[in-house]
Amino acid sequence: MKSAAGLQVLLSIPPHPPLVAGIPGVLRTAHDLVAGHDVRRIVLCTPSRDFIESWGERLASLPWMEVVSYNNSGPLSDQLDADCPALVLAPDGIPDEASLKNFLRQSRQSHEPTAWVLNETVVAGYYPEAGRLLERLPPGSREFPQQALAHPQARRLPAPQAAWDSLGTAEGIRRAEDRLFRSLRRESDGYLARMDRTLSIALSRLLIRTPVTPNGITAFSLIVGLVGAALLASPEYWVALLGAALLWSGCVLDGCDGEVARLKLRTSRFGARFDIIADNIVHLAIFVAIPIHVRRLHSGFDVWNPAAALIAGVLLSTFSVWWLILRQPEERRAGPQRIYERIASRDFIYLVFLLTAIRHLEWFLWSAAIGANLFWLSLWWVSRRTRPG
């Protein structure tokens, strides 16, 4: 549930903000809030210019404003719209997104200030109008309103134990990082690709310590996939098997680009589109390589008819998934669409590797040609049946 007026969020920037997977926890909180809520502005209360100078690039996509306590900049009251709701978060932790959404949903049911309390400590305060918060501040205040967290007339809502991770201890930072890495798993992951995700997350934890960029990982994954497809087309057993192994490795790398983008706060529309285009290029290369491999290995085998049916089915399936599923926001995708989205992943690479290993990749040709066309036809049928109205 989102406020029509837009939420204003006040965050305190400590002199040395604790890092969660290499990024200040407060910066991760700001990005999560903007991604999950109708946030009108993020007001950062900073003691110096160090934070802005160090992390300004990661702030570029946020509707942020700065209130500084070290010079004569405008007071906090100049940055807030008194008629719009405001959320104040304690400066020493990071909230669980699902728990915070529930707190805001409950808070908006009342017209009074609400405090979120964990173990007798207030970790967040919600004001239906920011003017109620400003009343508690000294005139001209430019510092984070710590006293606003505990409004004397605030309704108190208990926070679950897992709702807040304190970043004041190494144990709290570890819990926040573990939760962050768990959040990288996607609903759209294929049934077998969930094993790949475990490997890709482990690799991404290492990659975020390097200068590598998400788009660089996508480009490398594309090269690995194309090289793997070229080797798979060979009639030589060990060469083709190496190609299948590279294609599986590309699946793992394909998960890393999005994970590193989210971990480094470097997601972009271009990156998402580049990833989809690279995936589709590799898929097409695989389905071209398979009939070439079969033709070279079995000269009398009819490959051109099933190859044409396979490539047509893959292209139509790719278009159908994009048109019927990927154009919709994730939260609006129905249960059957989730299943089709998982099936459309690279799970088939496991079958390709197995059949290459037992020297019977020709079994894949006709079965995949029929399966790809059944996939897109049934997707359209199911989408018509589940369409609202």
Protein backbone atom coordinates (compact mmCIF):
# COMPACT_ATOMS: atom_id res chain seq x y z
CA MET A 1 0.00 0.00 0.00
CA LYS A 2 1.51 3.34 -1.02
CA SER A 3 0.69 6.82 0.07
CA ALA A 4 -0.71 9.02 -2.68
CA ALA A 5 1.33 11.95 -1.35
CA GLY A 6 4.67 10.14 -1.45
CA LEU A 7 6.85 9.23 1.50
CA GLN A 8 9.67 11.39 2.85
CA VAL A 9 12.51 9.45 4.51
CA LEU A 10 15.04 10.85 6.96
CA LEU A 11 18.33 8.99 7.28
CA SER A 12 21.33 9.79 9.44
CA ILE A 13 24.82 9.41 7.97
CA PRO A 14 27.38 8.60 10.70
CA PRO A 15 30.97 9.85 10.29
CA HIS A 16 32.12 6.34 9.40
CA PRO A 17 29.04 4.47 8.09
CA PRO A 18 29.31 0.67 8.53
CA LEU A 19 29.54 -1.29 5.28
CA VAL A 20 27.28 -4.17 4.28
CA ALA A 21 28.94 -6.16 1.46
CA GLY A 22 31.13 -3.18 0.62
CA ILE A 23 28.34 -0.55 0.55
CA PRO A 24 27.19 1.66 3.46
CA GLY A 25 24.14 0.07 5.08
CA VAL A 26 22.32 3.41 5.07
CA LEU A 27 22.80 3.64 1.29
CA ARG A 28 21.38 0.14 0.82
CA THR A 29 18.39 1.15 2.94
CA ALA A 30 17.81 4.22 0.75
CA HIS A 31 17.86 2.15 -2.45
CA ASP A 32 15.52 -0.50 -0.99
CA LEU A 33 13.05 2.17 0.11
CA VAL A 34 12.98 3.84 -3.30
CA ALA A 35 12.60 0.47 -5.05
CA GLY A 36 9.79 -0.77 -2.80
CA HIS A 37 7.83 2.33 -1.85
CA ASP A 38 6.44 5.54 -3.28
CA VAL A 39 9.30 7.67 -1.93
CA ARG A 40 9.12 11.36 -2.72
CA ARG A 41 12.50 12.29 -1.27
CA ILE A 42 15.36 10.91 0.80
CA VAL A 43 16.76 13.49 3.24
CA LEU A 44 20.33 12.68 4.29
CA CYS A 45 21.54 14.28 7.51
CA THR A 46 25.31 14.36 7.14
CA PRO A 47 28.11 15.60 9.45
CA SER A 48 30.50 16.32 6.54
CA ARG A 49 30.86 16.16 2.76
CA ASP A 50 32.80 12.89 2.90
CA PHE A 51 29.80 10.63 2.32
CA ILE A 52 28.50 12.58 -0.69
CA GLU A 53 31.95 12.79 -2.24
CA SER A 54 32.58 9.06 -1.77
CA TRP A 55 29.17 7.69 -2.76
CA GLY A 56 27.64 10.41 -4.92
CA GLU A 57 27.56 8.11 -7.97
CA ARG A 58 25.36 5.59 -6.13
CA LEU A 59 23.04 8.42 -5.05
CA ALA A 60 22.44 9.62 -8.61
CA SER A 61 19.33 7.46 -9.14
CA LEU A 62 17.73 8.50 -5.83
CA PRO A 63 15.53 11.54 -5.09
CA TRP A 64 17.92 12.66 -2.38
CA MET A 65 18.53 15.93 -0.60
CA GLU A 66 21.21 16.78 1.92
CA VAL A 67 20.95 18.56 5.24
CA VAL A 68 24.38 19.23 6.72
CA SER A 69 25.25 20.07 10.30
CA TYR A 70 28.70 21.53 9.63
CA ASN A 71 27.84 24.76 7.78
CA ASN A 72 25.06 27.28 7.29
CA SER A 73 22.96 25.30 4.84
CA GLY A 74 19.17 25.45 5.02
CA PRO A 75 17.44 23.87 8.02
CA LEU A 76 15.66 20.53 7.96
CA SER A 77 12.29 22.25 7.78
CA ASP A 78 13.20 23.61 4.32
CA GLN A 79 13.63 20.09 2.95
CA LEU A 80 10.39 18.53 4.18
CA ASP A 81 6.83 19.05 2.95
CA ALA A 82 4.85 19.48 6.14
CA ASP A 83 1.71 17.94 4.62
CA CYS A 84 3.31 14.70 3.37
CA PRO A 85 4.10 11.60 5.46
CA ALA A 86 7.59 11.06 6.84
CA LEU A 87 9.56 8.02 7.97
CA VAL A 88 12.49 8.37 10.36
CA LEU A 89 14.86 5.40 10.69
CA ALA A 90 17.32 4.90 13.53
CA PRO A 91 20.91 5.51 12.39
CA ASP A 92 22.44 2.31 13.74
CA GLY A 93 20.80 -0.47 11.71
CA ILE A 94 19.18 -1.74 8.57
CA PRO A 95 15.54 -2.91 8.34
CA ASP A 96 14.14 -6.07 6.81
CA GLU A 97 12.18 -4.85 3.78
CA ALA A 98 9.15 -7.13 4.26
CA SER A 99 8.86 -6.23 7.95
CA LEU A 100 9.20 -2.51 7.18
CA LYS A 101 6.42 -2.73 4.58
CA ASN A 102 4.17 -4.32 7.18
CA PHE A 103 5.03 -1.56 9.68
CA LEU A 104 4.17 1.14 7.14
CA ARG A 105 0.93 -0.61 6.20
CA GLN A 106 -0.16 -0.71 9.84
CA SER A 107 1.02 2.86 10.47
CA ARG A 108 -1.05 4.26 7.62
CA GLN A 109 -4.20 2.88 9.20
CA SER A 110 -3.87 5.52 11.93
CA HIS A 111 -3.68 9.32 11.74
CA GLU A 112 -1.30 9.45 14.69
CA PRO A 113 2.50 9.10 14.82
CA THR A 114 3.66 5.49 15.12
CA ALA A 115 6.82 4.10 16.70
CA TRP A 116 8.38 0.77 15.69
CA VAL A 117 9.83 -0.84 18.80
CA LEU A 118 12.32 -3.69 19.07
CA ASN A 119 13.38 -4.83 22.55
CA GLU A 120 12.18 -1.55 24.06
CA THR A 121 14.23 0.45 21.55
CA VAL A 122 12.52 2.59 18.92
CA VAL A 123 14.06 1.81 15.52
CA ALA A 124 11.65 3.79 13.30
CA GLY A 125 9.02 6.47 13.54
CA TYR A 126 6.20 7.23 11.09
CA TYR A 127 4.42 10.57 10.84
CA PRO A 128 1.26 10.90 8.71
CA GLU A 129 2.25 14.56 8.21
CA ALA A 130 5.85 15.71 8.46
CA GLY A 131 4.61 18.83 10.20
CA ARG A 132 4.06 16.73 13.32
CA LEU A 133 7.74 15.82 13.23
CA LEU A 134 8.90 19.40 12.64
CA GLU A 135 7.02 20.55 15.72
CA ARG A 136 9.49 18.55 17.83
CA LEU A 137 12.59 20.15 16.33
CA PRO A 138 14.38 23.32 17.47
CA PRO A 139 13.99 26.19 14.97
CA GLY A 140 16.65 26.06 12.25
CA SER A 141 17.71 22.49 13.13
CA ARG A 142 20.08 20.88 10.64
CA GLU A 143 20.77 17.66 12.55
CA PHE A 144 19.13 14.26 12.40
CA PRO A 145 15.98 14.40 14.58
CA GLN A 146 16.88 11.60 17.02
CA GLN A 147 14.16 12.79 19.39
CA ALA A 148 11.55 12.38 16.66
CA LEU A 149 11.90 8.59 16.83
CA ALA A 150 10.23 8.53 20.25
CA HIS A 151 7.22 10.87 19.93
CA PRO A 152 5.53 10.89 23.36
CA GLN A 153 2.06 10.36 21.89
CA ALA A 154 3.14 7.80 19.27
CA ARG A 155 1.29 4.53 18.91
CA ARG A 156 3.81 1.75 19.58
CA LEU A 157 4.04 -1.26 17.28
CA PRO A 158 6.33 -4.17 18.17
CA ALA A 159 8.95 -5.14 15.58
CA PRO A 160 9.71 -8.84 14.98
CA GLN A 161 13.17 -9.97 16.10
CA ALA A 162 14.28 -10.43 12.49
CA ALA A 163 12.99 -7.00 11.44
CA TRP A 164 16.14 -5.03 12.24
CA ASP A 165 19.86 -5.78 12.11
CA SER A 166 22.07 -3.54 14.20
CA LEU A 167 25.19 -2.48 12.31
CA GLY A 168 27.04 -1.55 15.47
CA THR A 169 28.54 -5.04 15.83
CA ALA A 170 30.30 -7.49 13.54
CA GLU A 171 27.57 -10.04 14.25
CA GLY A 172 24.85 -7.60 13.17
CA ILE A 173 26.70 -6.79 9.94
CA ARG A 174 27.13 -10.51 9.24
CA ARG A 175 23.37 -11.09 9.68
CA ALA A 176 22.59 -8.16 7.37
CA GLU A 177 24.97 -9.54 4.73
CA ASP A 178 23.54 -13.05 5.00
CA ARG A 179 20.03 -11.68 4.50
CA LEU A 180 21.23 -9.61 1.55
CA PHE A 181 22.79 -12.66 -0.15
CA ARG A 182 19.64 -14.74 0.47
CA SER A 183 17.58 -12.04 -1.22
CA LEU A 184 19.51 -12.60 -4.47
CA ARG A 185 17.52 -15.77 -5.16
CA ARG A 186 14.78 -15.08 -7.71
CA GLU A 187 11.26 -16.42 -8.11
CA SER A 188 11.97 -16.80 -11.82
CA ASP A 189 14.92 -19.16 -11.27
CA GLY A 190 14.48 -22.47 -13.07
CA TYR A 191 14.02 -25.61 -11.01
CA LEU A 192 17.53 -26.90 -11.71
CA ALA A 193 19.00 -23.40 -12.05
CA ARG A 194 18.49 -22.95 -8.31
CA MET A 195 21.62 -25.07 -7.89
CA ASP A 196 23.43 -22.67 -10.25
CA ARG A 197 22.24 -19.80 -8.06
CA THR A 198 24.07 -21.21 -5.05
CA LEU A 199 27.30 -21.25 -7.07
CA SER A 200 26.72 -17.84 -8.66
CA ILE A 201 26.06 -16.19 -5.28
CA ALA A 202 29.28 -17.65 -3.90
CA LEU A 203 31.16 -16.32 -6.95
CA SER A 204 29.44 -12.92 -6.74
CA ARG A 205 30.58 -12.55 -3.14
CA LEU A 206 34.13 -12.65 -4.49
CA LEU A 207 33.49 -10.49 -7.55
CA ILE A 208 32.11 -7.55 -5.55
CA ARG A 209 35.60 -7.13 -4.06
CA THR A 210 37.01 -6.49 -7.54
CA PRO A 211 36.56 -3.61 -10.04
CA VAL A 212 34.58 -5.87 -12.39
CA THR A 213 31.31 -4.38 -13.63
CA PRO A 214 27.97 -6.15 -14.17
CA ASN A 215 28.05 -5.39 -17.90
CA GLY A 216 31.58 -6.79 -18.06
CA ILE A 217 30.30 -10.04 -16.55
CA THR A 218 27.45 -10.13 -19.09
CA ALA A 219 29.90 -9.64 -21.96
CA PHE A 220 32.20 -12.38 -20.63
CA SER A 221 29.20 -14.71 -20.17
CA LEU A 222 28.19 -14.03 -23.78
CA ILE A 223 31.70 -14.92 -25.01
CA VAL A 224 31.77 -18.09 -22.92
CA GLY A 225 28.36 -19.09 -24.27
CA LEU A 226 29.30 -18.50 -27.90
CA VAL A 227 32.58 -20.38 -27.52
CA GLY A 228 30.71 -23.22 -25.80
CA ALA A 229 28.15 -23.38 -28.63
CA ALA A 230 30.93 -23.44 -31.25
CA LEU A 231 32.66 -26.32 -29.47
CA LEU A 232 29.37 -28.16 -28.99
CA ALA A 233 28.94 -28.20 -32.78
CA SER A 234 32.05 -30.36 -33.10
CA PRO A 235 31.64 -34.11 -33.76
CA GLU A 236 34.63 -34.81 -31.52
CA TYR A 237 33.46 -36.21 -28.19
CA TRP A 238 35.77 -34.34 -25.80
CA VAL A 239 35.48 -31.07 -27.71
CA ALA A 240 31.67 -31.23 -27.68
CA LEU A 241 31.66 -32.17 -23.99
CA LEU A 242 33.93 -29.21 -23.21
CA GLY A 243 31.48 -27.01 -25.10
CA ALA A 244 28.57 -28.32 -23.01
CA ALA A 245 30.61 -27.69 -19.84
CA LEU A 246 31.31 -24.11 -20.95
CA LEU A 247 27.61 -23.58 -21.61
CA TRP A 248 26.84 -24.70 -18.06
CA SER A 249 29.59 -22.37 -16.77
CA GLY A 250 27.92 -19.58 -18.74
CA CYS A 251 24.69 -20.28 -16.87
CA VAL A 252 26.47 -19.68 -13.57
CA LEU A 253 28.05 -16.46 -14.89
CA ASP A 254 24.67 -15.37 -16.22
CA GLY A 255 23.44 -15.23 -12.63
CA CYS A 256 26.45 -13.24 -11.45
CA ASP A 257 25.85 -10.11 -13.56
CA GLY A 258 22.49 -9.32 -11.96
CA GLU A 259 23.72 -10.29 -8.50
CA VAL A 260 26.79 -8.07 -8.72
CA ALA A 261 24.63 -5.23 -10.08
CA ARG A 262 22.32 -5.48 -7.07
CA LEU A 263 25.16 -5.93 -4.58
CA LYS A 264 27.11 -2.96 -5.96
CA LEU A 265 23.93 -0.87 -6.48
CA ARG A 266 24.70 -0.61 -10.20
CA THR A 267 21.46 -1.86 -11.73
CA SER A 268 20.40 -0.12 -14.93
CA ARG A 269 17.91 -0.50 -17.76
CA PHE A 270 20.73 -0.92 -20.23
CA GLY A 271 22.27 -3.68 -18.13
CA ALA A 272 18.95 -5.54 -17.85
CA ARG A 273 18.36 -5.31 -21.62
CA PHE A 274 21.95 -6.30 -22.41
CA ASP A 275 21.54 -9.37 -20.20
CA ILE A 276 18.32 -10.44 -21.96
CA ILE A 277 19.82 -9.89 -25.42
CA ALA A 278 22.98 -11.83 -24.49
CA ASP A 279 20.87 -14.72 -23.11
CA ASN A 280 18.81 -14.94 -26.29
CA ILE A 281 21.91 -14.83 -28.52
CA VAL A 282 23.46 -17.73 -26.59
CA HIS A 283 20.20 -19.70 -26.65
CA LEU A 284 19.95 -19.32 -30.41
CA ALA A 285 23.61 -20.28 -30.85
CA ILE A 286 23.03 -23.46 -28.83
CA PHE A 287 20.04 -24.49 -30.89
CA VAL A 288 21.99 -23.90 -34.11
CA ALA A 289 25.00 -25.83 -32.78
CA ILE A 290 23.01 -28.94 -31.82
CA PRO A 291 21.79 -29.88 -35.34
CA ILE A 292 25.25 -29.11 -36.76
CA HIS A 293 26.76 -31.50 -34.20
CA VAL A 294 24.20 -34.19 -35.02
CA ARG A 295 24.70 -33.74 -38.78
CA ARG A 296 28.49 -34.02 -38.47
CA LEU A 297 28.22 -37.08 -36.23
CA HIS A 298 25.38 -38.86 -38.10
CA SER A 299 25.54 -37.95 -41.79
CA GLY A 300 22.37 -39.90 -42.61
CA PHE A 301 20.26 -38.29 -39.90
CA ASP A 302 17.54 -35.85 -41.04
CA VAL A 303 18.46 -32.70 -39.13
CA TRP A 304 17.10 -29.86 -41.26
CA ASN A 305 13.38 -30.39 -40.61
CA PRO A 306 13.71 -30.75 -36.83
CA ALA A 307 16.29 -27.94 -36.81
CA ALA A 308 13.89 -25.59 -38.58
CA ALA A 309 11.07 -26.57 -36.21
CA LEU A 310 13.38 -26.14 -33.21
CA ILE A 311 14.66 -22.69 -34.16
CA ALA A 312 11.15 -21.50 -35.05
CA GLY A 313 9.86 -22.82 -31.72
CA VAL A 314 12.68 -21.13 -29.79
CA LEU A 315 12.10 -17.77 -31.49
CA LEU A 316 8.33 -17.95 -30.94
CA SER A 317 8.83 -19.04 -27.33
CA THR A 318 11.24 -16.16 -26.70
CA PHE A 319 8.77 -13.66 -28.12
CA SER A 320 5.85 -15.20 -26.22
CA VAL A 321 7.66 -15.11 -22.87
CA TRP A 322 8.60 -11.48 -23.42
CA TRP A 323 5.14 -10.42 -24.61
CA LEU A 324 3.05 -12.33 -22.07
CA ILE A 325 5.32 -12.42 -18.99
CA LEU A 326 8.42 -10.21 -18.94
CA ARG A 327 6.58 -7.02 -19.90
CA GLN A 328 4.61 -7.27 -16.66
CA PRO A 329 5.99 -6.21 -13.26
CA GLU A 330 7.10 -9.24 -11.22
CA GLU A 331 4.40 -8.73 -8.59
CA ARG A 332 1.66 -9.00 -11.25
CA ARG A 333 2.82 -12.29 -12.75
CA ALA A 334 0.30 -15.04 -12.02
CA GLY A 335 1.15 -18.51 -10.72
CA PRO A 336 1.07 -20.26 -14.15
CA GLN A 337 3.22 -17.49 -15.61
CA ARG A 338 5.80 -18.07 -12.88
CA ILE A 339 5.96 -21.75 -13.87
CA TYR A 340 6.45 -20.91 -17.56
CA GLU A 341 9.10 -18.33 -16.66
CA ARG A 342 11.06 -20.99 -14.76
CA ILE A 343 10.72 -23.52 -17.57
CA ALA A 344 12.03 -20.91 -20.02
CA SER A 345 15.29 -20.63 -18.08
CA ARG A 346 18.50 -22.48 -18.98
CA ASP A 347 17.56 -25.71 -17.18
CA PHE A 348 17.81 -27.50 -20.54
CA ILE A 349 21.61 -27.11 -20.37
CA TYR A 350 21.71 -29.99 -17.88
CA LEU A 351 19.98 -32.24 -20.42
CA VAL A 352 22.31 -31.05 -23.20
CA PHE A 353 25.34 -31.87 -21.05
CA LEU A 354 23.97 -35.32 -20.13
CA LEU A 355 23.10 -36.29 -23.72
CA THR A 356 26.47 -35.01 -24.94
CA ALA A 357 28.18 -37.12 -22.29
CA ILE A 358 26.37 -40.30 -23.42
CA ARG A 359 26.84 -39.45 -27.14
CA HIS A 360 23.12 -39.12 -27.92
CA LEU A 361 22.55 -35.42 -28.48
CA GLU A 362 20.32 -36.37 -31.44
CA TRP A 363 17.66 -37.40 -28.91
CA PHE A 364 17.41 -33.74 -27.93
CA LEU A 365 16.74 -32.52 -31.47
CA TRP A 366 13.23 -33.79 -32.18
CA SER A 367 12.10 -33.70 -28.55
CA ALA A 368 13.18 -30.07 -28.18
CA ALA A 369 11.66 -29.15 -31.57
CA ILE A 370 8.29 -30.51 -30.44
CA GLY A 371 8.65 -29.23 -26.87
CA ALA A 372 9.54 -25.65 -27.85
CA ASN A 373 6.45 -25.34 -30.03
CA LEU A 374 4.20 -26.95 -27.43
CA PHE A 375 5.65 -24.47 -24.92
CA TRP A 376 4.68 -21.28 -26.75
CA LEU A 377 1.30 -22.64 -27.89
CA SER A 378 0.36 -23.70 -24.36
CA LEU A 379 1.64 -20.40 -22.92
CA TRP A 380 -0.77 -18.45 -25.14
CA TRP A 381 -3.61 -20.83 -24.24
CA VAL A 382 -2.95 -20.57 -20.49
CA SER A 383 -2.59 -16.77 -20.71
CA ARG A 384 -5.98 -16.49 -22.40
CA ARG A 385 -7.57 -18.69 -19.75
CA THR A 386 -6.08 -16.73 -16.83
CA ARG A 387 -6.60 -13.24 -18.29
CA PRO A 388 -8.74 -11.09 -15.94
CA GLY A 389 -12.31 -10.45 -17.16
